[in-house]
Amino acid sequence: MKNKIKELRVEHELSQEQLAEQLSVSRQTIISIEKGKYCPSLPLAFKFAGVFDLSIEEIFIPEKEER
C-alpha cells in the first residue's frame, strides 16, 4: 500500500521521532511505513488521519491488483 506519510510529515515539519511520539509507536515503525514495508493497523491509520487532519483515504492509497 502506498502512502503520503513522508510528504505529510515534512509538510508539517515533524521529524520521524516526533511523529512516532505523537502516535505512540517507534521511529522504526514510521520508517517502515514510509518505505511501504509495513501497513499500519486500522487503529494506527486512524491515528495518522487525526494527526494530519485528513481521511485515511487521503493518506493511504491501495495499489491496484494486477490481473
PDB file of N, CA and C in Angstrom:
ATOM      1  N   MET A   1       0.840  -1.172   0.000  1.00  0.00           N
ATOM      2  CA  MET A   1       0.000   0.000   0.000  1.00  0.00           C
ATOM      3  C   MET A   1       0.889   1.241   0.000  1.00  0.00           C
ATOM      4  N   LYS A   2       0.587   2.142  -0.887  1.00  0.00           N
ATOM      5  CA  LYS A   2       1.334   3.394  -0.947  1.00  0.00           C
ATOM      6  C   LYS A   2       0.758   4.361   0.078  1.00  0.00           C
ATOM      7  N   ASN A   3       1.566   5.341   0.464  1.00  0.00           N
ATOM      8  CA  ASN A   3       1.078   6.326   1.421  1.00  0.00           C
ATOM      9  C   ASN A   3       1.799   7.657   1.224  1.00  0.00           C
ATOM     10  N   LYS A   4       1.251   8.675   1.844  1.00  0.00           N
ATOM     11  CA  LYS A   4       1.805  10.028   1.759  1.00  0.00           C
ATOM     12  C   LYS A   4       2.400  10.478   3.096  1.00  0.00           C
ATOM     13  N   ILE A   5       2.758   9.526   3.936  1.00  0.00           N
ATOM     14  CA  ILE A   5       3.229   9.843   5.284  1.00  0.00           C
ATOM     15  C   ILE A   5       4.455  10.749   5.258  1.00  0.00           C
ATOM     16  N   LYS A   6       5.465  10.403   4.469  1.00  0.00           N
ATOM     17  CA  LYS A   6       6.693  11.208   4.466  1.00  0.00           C
ATOM     18  C   LYS A   6       6.403  12.636   4.010  1.00  0.00           C
ATOM     19  N   GLU A   7       5.624  12.774   2.928  1.00  0.00           N
ATOM     20  CA  GLU A   7       5.303  14.108   2.415  1.00  0.00           C
ATOM     21  C   GLU A   7       4.545  14.923   3.452  1.00  0.00           C
ATOM     22  N   LEU A   8       3.579  14.294   4.102  1.00  0.00           N
ATOM     23  CA  LEU A   8       2.789  14.990   5.118  1.00  0.00           C
ATOM     24  C   LEU A   8       3.644  15.357   6.326  1.00  0.00           C
ATOM     25  N   ARG A   9       4.522  14.443   6.721  1.00  0.00           N
ATOM     26  CA  ARG A   9       5.391  14.694   7.877  1.00  0.00           C
ATOM     27  C   ARG A   9       6.296  15.894   7.603  1.00  0.00           C
ATOM     28  N   VAL A  10       6.878  15.935   6.421  1.00  0.00           N
ATOM     29  CA  VAL A  10       7.766  17.046   6.053  1.00  0.00           C
ATOM     30  C   VAL A  10       6.961  18.344   5.968  1.00  0.00           C
ATOM     31  N   GLU A  11       5.780  18.267   5.357  1.00  0.00           N
ATOM     32  CA  GLU A  11       4.908  19.447   5.231  1.00  0.00           C
ATOM     33  C   GLU A  11       4.550  20.025   6.592  1.00  0.00           C
ATOM     34  N   HIS A  12       4.361  19.146   7.584  1.00  0.00           N
ATOM     35  CA  HIS A  12       4.006  19.575   8.940  1.00  0.00           C
ATOM     36  C   HIS A  12       5.239  19.814   9.819  1.00  0.00           C
ATOM     37  N   GLU A  13       6.413  19.733   9.200  1.00  0.00           N
ATOM     38  CA  GLU A  13       7.688  19.971   9.892  1.00  0.00           C
ATOM     39  C   GLU A  13       7.870  19.086  11.121  1.00  0.00           C
ATOM     40  N   LEU A  14       7.573  17.800  10.934  1.00  0.00           N
ATOM     41  CA  LEU A  14       7.742  16.817  12.009  1.00  0.00           C
ATOM     42  C   LEU A  14       8.890  15.880  11.657  1.00  0.00           C
ATOM     43  N   SER A  15       9.705  15.565  12.637  1.00  0.00           N
ATOM     44  CA  SER A  15      10.725  14.531  12.438  1.00  0.00           C
ATOM     45  C   SER A  15      10.049  13.173  12.582  1.00  0.00           C
ATOM     46  N   GLN A  16      10.734  12.142  12.162  1.00  0.00           N
ATOM     47  CA  GLN A  16      10.191  10.792  12.354  1.00  0.00           C
ATOM     48  C   GLN A  16       9.982  10.515  13.833  1.00  0.00           C
ATOM     49  N   GLU A  17      10.904  10.964  14.642  1.00  0.00           N
ATOM     50  CA  GLU A  17      10.800  10.758  16.094  1.00  0.00           C
ATOM     51  C   GLU A  17       9.589  11.489  16.672  1.00  0.00           C
ATOM     52  N   GLN A  18       9.362  12.730  16.254  1.00  0.00           N
ATOM     53  CA  GLN A  18       8.217  13.497  16.761  1.00  0.00           C
ATOM     54  C   GLN A  18       6.895  12.844  16.371  1.00  0.00           C
ATOM     55  N   LEU A  19       6.810  12.395  15.121  1.00  0.00           N
ATOM     56  CA  LEU A  19       5.585  11.727  14.673  1.00  0.00           C
ATOM     57  C   LEU A  19       5.382  10.427  15.439  1.00  0.00           C
ATOM     58  N   ALA A  20       6.453   9.679  15.629  1.00  0.00           N
ATOM     59  CA  ALA A  20       6.373   8.423  16.379  1.00  0.00           C
ATOM     60  C   ALA A  20       5.852   8.670  17.794  1.00  0.00           C
ATOM     61  N   GLU A  21       6.346   9.720  18.438  1.00  0.00           N
ATOM     62  CA  GLU A  21       5.885  10.043  19.792  1.00  0.00           C
ATOM     63  C   GLU A  21       4.403  10.382  19.799  1.00  0.00           C
ATOM     64  N   GLN A  22       3.944  11.156  18.823  1.00  0.00           N
ATOM     65  CA  GLN A  22       2.524  11.521  18.762  1.00  0.00           C
ATOM     66  C   GLN A  22       1.631  10.297  18.571  1.00  0.00           C
ATOM     67  N   LEU A  23       2.152   9.289  17.878  1.00  0.00           N
ATOM     68  CA  LEU A  23       1.359   8.093  17.572  1.00  0.00           C
ATOM     69  C   LEU A  23       1.617   6.947  18.544  1.00  0.00           C
ATOM     70  N   SER A  24       2.522   7.148  19.474  1.00  0.00           N
ATOM     71  CA  SER A  24       2.899   6.109  20.445  1.00  0.00           C
ATOM     72  C   SER A  24       3.427   4.848  19.767  1.00  0.00           C
ATOM     73  N   VAL A  25       4.297   5.062  18.774  1.00  0.00           N
ATOM     74  CA  VAL A  25       4.968   3.950  18.096  1.00  0.00           C
ATOM     75  C   VAL A  25       6.458   4.272  18.051  1.00  0.00           C
ATOM     76  N   SER A  26       7.249   3.327  17.562  1.00  0.00           N
ATOM     77  CA  SER A  26       8.690   3.561  17.463  1.00  0.00           C
ATOM     78  C   SER A  26       9.020   4.316  16.177  1.00  0.00           C
ATOM     79  N   ARG A  27      10.188   4.928  16.178  1.00  0.00           N
ATOM     80  CA  ARG A  27      10.660   5.611  14.970  1.00  0.00           C
ATOM     81  C   ARG A  27      10.814   4.592  13.848  1.00  0.00           C
ATOM     82  N   GLN A  28      11.234   3.386  14.188  1.00  0.00           N
ATOM     83  CA  GLN A  28      11.403   2.323  13.190  1.00  0.00           C
ATOM     84  C   GLN A  28      10.078   2.000  12.509  1.00  0.00           C
ATOM     85  N   THR A  29       8.986   2.063  13.249  1.00  0.00           N
ATOM     86  CA  THR A  29       7.662   1.828  12.656  1.00  0.00           C
ATOM     87  C   THR A  29       7.356   2.901  11.617  1.00  0.00           C
ATOM     88  N   ILE A  30       7.655   4.148  11.941  1.00  0.00           N
ATOM     89  CA  ILE A  30       7.429   5.250  10.994  1.00  0.00           C
ATOM     90  C   ILE A  30       8.267   5.030   9.738  1.00  0.00           C
ATOM     91  N   ILE A  31       9.527   4.660   9.913  1.00  0.00           N
ATOM     92  CA  ILE A  31      10.413   4.406   8.777  1.00  0.00           C
ATOM     93  C   ILE A  31       9.834   3.299   7.893  1.00  0.00           C
ATOM     94  N   SER A  32       9.404   2.206   8.499  1.00  0.00           N
ATOM     95  CA  SER A  32       8.865   1.070   7.745  1.00  0.00           C
ATOM     96  C   SER A  32       7.593   1.438   6.990  1.00  0.00           C
ATOM     97  N   ILE A  33       6.739   2.232   7.613  1.00  0.00           N
ATOM     98  CA  ILE A  33       5.506   2.650   6.949  1.00  0.00           C
ATOM     99  C   ILE A  33       5.819   3.593   5.798  1.00  0.00           C
ATOM    100  N   GLU A  34       6.719   4.555   6.026  1.00  0.00           N
ATOM    101  CA  GLU A  34       7.097   5.493   4.963  1.00  0.00           C
ATOM    102  C   GLU A  34       7.676   4.770   3.752  1.00  0.00           C
ATOM    103  N   LYS A  35       8.437   3.720   3.986  1.00  0.00           N
ATOM    104  CA  LYS A  35       9.048   2.965   2.890  1.00  0.00           C
ATOM    105  C   LYS A  35       8.102   1.946   2.265  1.00  0.00           C
ATOM    106  N   GLY A  36       6.896   1.813   2.826  1.00  0.00           N
ATOM    107  CA  GLY A  36       5.935   0.868   2.284  1.00  0.00           C
ATOM    108  C   GLY A  36       6.219  -0.575   2.640  1.00  0.00           C
ATOM    109  N   LYS A  37       7.072  -0.794   3.645  1.00  0.00           N
ATOM    110  CA  LYS A  37       7.409  -2.150   4.067  1.00  0.00           C
ATOM    111  C   LYS A  37       6.443  -2.689   5.107  1.00  0.00           C
ATOM    112  N   TYR A  38       5.623  -1.813   5.659  1.00  0.00           N
ATOM    113  CA  TYR A  38       4.698  -2.196   6.725  1.00  0.00           C
ATOM    114  C   TYR A  38       3.407  -1.412   6.541  1.00  0.00           C
ATOM    115  N   CYS A  39       2.286  -2.116   6.577  1.00  0.00           N
ATOM    116  CA  CYS A  39       0.983  -1.458   6.510  1.00  0.00           C
ATOM    117  C   CYS A  39       0.452  -1.324   7.936  1.00  0.00           C
ATOM    118  N   PRO A  40       0.064  -0.130   8.321  1.00  0.00           N
ATOM    119  CA  PRO A  40      -0.409   0.059   9.696  1.00  0.00           C
ATOM    120  C   PRO A  40      -1.761  -0.606   9.939  1.00  0.00           C
ATOM    121  N   SER A  41      -2.013  -0.898  11.191  1.00  0.00           N
ATOM    122  CA  SER A  41      -3.321  -1.417  11.580  1.00  0.00           C
ATOM    123  C   SER A  41      -4.359  -0.316  11.369  1.00  0.00           C
ATOM    124  N   LEU A  42      -5.615  -0.686  11.353  1.00  0.00           N
ATOM    125  CA  LEU A  42      -6.669   0.304  11.174  1.00  0.00           C
ATOM    126  C   LEU A  42      -6.666   1.344  12.294  1.00  0.00           C
ATOM    127  N   PRO A  43      -6.509   0.944  13.562  1.00  0.00           N
ATOM    128  CA  PRO A  43      -6.438   1.966  14.612  1.00  0.00           C
ATOM    129  C   PRO A  43      -5.268   2.940  14.422  1.00  0.00           C
ATOM    130  N   LEU A  44      -4.119   2.438  13.972  1.00  0.00           N
ATOM    131  CA  LEU A  44      -2.974   3.312  13.735  1.00  0.00           C
ATOM    132  C   LEU A  44      -3.242   4.217  12.530  1.00  0.00           C
ATOM    133  N   ALA A  45      -3.883   3.700  11.511  1.00  0.00           N
ATOM    134  CA  ALA A  45      -4.233   4.522  10.345  1.00  0.00           C
ATOM    135  C   ALA A  45      -5.143   5.678  10.771  1.00  0.00           C
ATOM    136  N   PHE A  46      -6.087   5.402  11.680  1.00  0.00           N
ATOM    137  CA  PHE A  46      -6.952   6.469  12.192  1.00  0.00           C
ATOM    138  C   PHE A  46      -6.150   7.506  12.977  1.00  0.00           C
ATOM    139  N   LYS A  47      -5.116   7.052  13.699  1.00  0.00           N
ATOM    140  CA  LYS A  47      -4.264   7.999  14.427  1.00  0.00           C
ATOM    141  C   LYS A  47      -3.522   8.915  13.454  1.00  0.00           C
ATOM    142  N   PHE A  48      -3.005   8.341  12.366  1.00  0.00           N
ATOM    143  CA  PHE A  48      -2.352   9.161  11.337  1.00  0.00           C
ATOM    144  C   PHE A  48      -3.339  10.195  10.802  1.00  0.00           C
ATOM    145  N   ALA A  49      -4.546   9.749  10.506  1.00  0.00           N
ATOM    146  CA  ALA A  49      -5.569  10.661   9.978  1.00  0.00           C
ATOM    147  C   ALA A  49      -5.840  11.794  10.958  1.00  0.00           C
ATOM    148  N   GLY A  50      -5.859  11.485  12.243  1.00  0.00           N
ATOM    149  CA  GLY A  50      -6.087  12.510  13.256  1.00  0.00           C
ATOM    150  C   GLY A  50      -4.950  13.507  13.344  1.00  0.00           C
ATOM    151  N   VAL A  51      -3.723  13.026  13.278  1.00  0.00           N
ATOM    152  CA  VAL A  51      -2.557  13.909  13.353  1.00  0.00           C
ATOM    153  C   VAL A  51      -2.548  14.885  12.182  1.00  0.00           C
ATOM    154  N   PHE A  52      -2.855  14.385  10.984  1.00  0.00           N
ATOM    155  CA  PHE A  52      -2.772  15.221   9.788  1.00  0.00           C
ATOM    156  C   PHE A  52      -4.111  15.843   9.392  1.00  0.00           C
ATOM    157  N   ASP A  53      -5.161  15.569  10.163  1.00  0.00           N
ATOM    158  CA  ASP A  53      -6.496  16.111   9.909  1.00  0.00           C
ATOM    159  C   ASP A  53      -6.959  15.805   8.481  1.00  0.00           C
ATOM    160  N   LEU A  54      -6.778  14.554   8.093  1.00  0.00           N
ATOM    161  CA  LEU A  54      -7.187  14.071   6.780  1.00  0.00           C
ATOM    162  C   LEU A  54      -7.925  12.747   6.952  1.00  0.00           C
ATOM    163  N   SER A  55      -8.592  12.301   5.900  1.00  0.00           N
ATOM    164  CA  SER A  55      -9.212  10.981   5.951  1.00  0.00           C
ATOM    165  C   SER A  55      -8.144   9.920   5.669  1.00  0.00           C
ATOM    166  N   ILE A  56      -8.411   8.706   6.063  1.00  0.00           N
ATOM    167  CA  ILE A  56      -7.482   7.603   5.816  1.00  0.00           C
ATOM    168  C   ILE A  56      -7.226   7.476   4.313  1.00  0.00           C
ATOM    169  N   GLU A  57      -8.284   7.642   3.513  1.00  0.00           N
ATOM    170  CA  GLU A  57      -8.164   7.508   2.060  1.00  0.00           C
ATOM    171  C   GLU A  57      -7.255   8.570   1.443  1.00  0.00           C
ATOM    172  N   GLU A  58      -7.121   9.710   2.102  1.00  0.00           N
ATOM    173  CA  GLU A  58      -6.244  10.763   1.595  1.00  0.00           C
ATOM    174  C   GLU A  58      -4.771  10.486   1.914  1.00  0.00           C
ATOM    175  N   ILE A  59      -4.522   9.589   2.849  1.00  0.00           N
ATOM    176  CA  ILE A  59      -3.161   9.283   3.280  1.00  0.00           C
ATOM    177  C   ILE A  59      -2.656   7.968   2.687  1.00  0.00           C
ATOM    178  N   PHE A  60      -3.519   6.970   2.678  1.00  0.00           N
ATOM    179  CA  PHE A  60      -3.133   5.630   2.228  1.00  0.00           C
ATOM    180  C   PHE A  60      -3.831   5.303   0.912  1.00  0.00           C
ATOM    181  N   ILE A  61      -3.029   4.880  -0.071  1.00  0.00           N
ATOM    182  CA  ILE A  61      -3.547   4.588  -1.398  1.00  0.00           C
ATOM    183  C   ILE A  61      -3.320   3.114  -1.717  1.00  0.00           C
ATOM    184  N   PRO A  62      -4.414   2.358  -1.833  1.00  0.00           N
ATOM    185  CA  PRO A  62      -4.235   0.935  -2.159  1.00  0.00           C
ATOM    186  C   PRO A  62      -3.668   0.782  -3.575  1.00  0.00           C
ATOM    187  N   GLU A  63      -2.767  -0.157  -3.735  1.00  0.00           N
ATOM    188  CA  GLU A  63      -2.205  -0.415  -5.055  1.00  0.00           C
ATOM    189  C   GLU A  63      -3.187  -1.311  -5.810  1.00  0.00           C
ATOM    190  N   LYS A  64      -3.357  -1.010  -7.064  1.00  0.00           N
ATOM    191  CA  LYS A  64      -4.297  -1.801  -7.876  1.00  0.00           C
ATOM    192  C   LYS A  64      -3.722  -3.191  -8.091  1.00  0.00           C
ATOM    193  N   GLU A  65      -4.608  -4.167  -7.981  1.00  0.00           N
ATOM    194  CA  GLU A  65      -4.191  -5.550  -8.186  1.00  0.00           C
ATOM    195  C   GLU A  65      -4.041  -5.809  -9.679  1.00  0.00           C
ATOM    196  N   GLU A  66      -2.973  -6.530 -10.044  1.00  0.00           N
ATOM    197  CA  GLU A  66      -2.780  -6.870 -11.436  1.00  0.00           C
ATOM    198  C   GLU A  66      -3.559  -8.141 -11.729  1.00  0.00           C
ATOM    199  N   ARG A  67      -4.122  -8.191 -12.933  1.00  0.00           N
ATOM    200  CA  ARG A  67      -4.922  -9.362 -13.305  1.00  0.00           C
ATOM    201  C   ARG A  67      -4.216 -10.184 -14.327  1.00  0.00           C
TER     202      ARG A  67
END
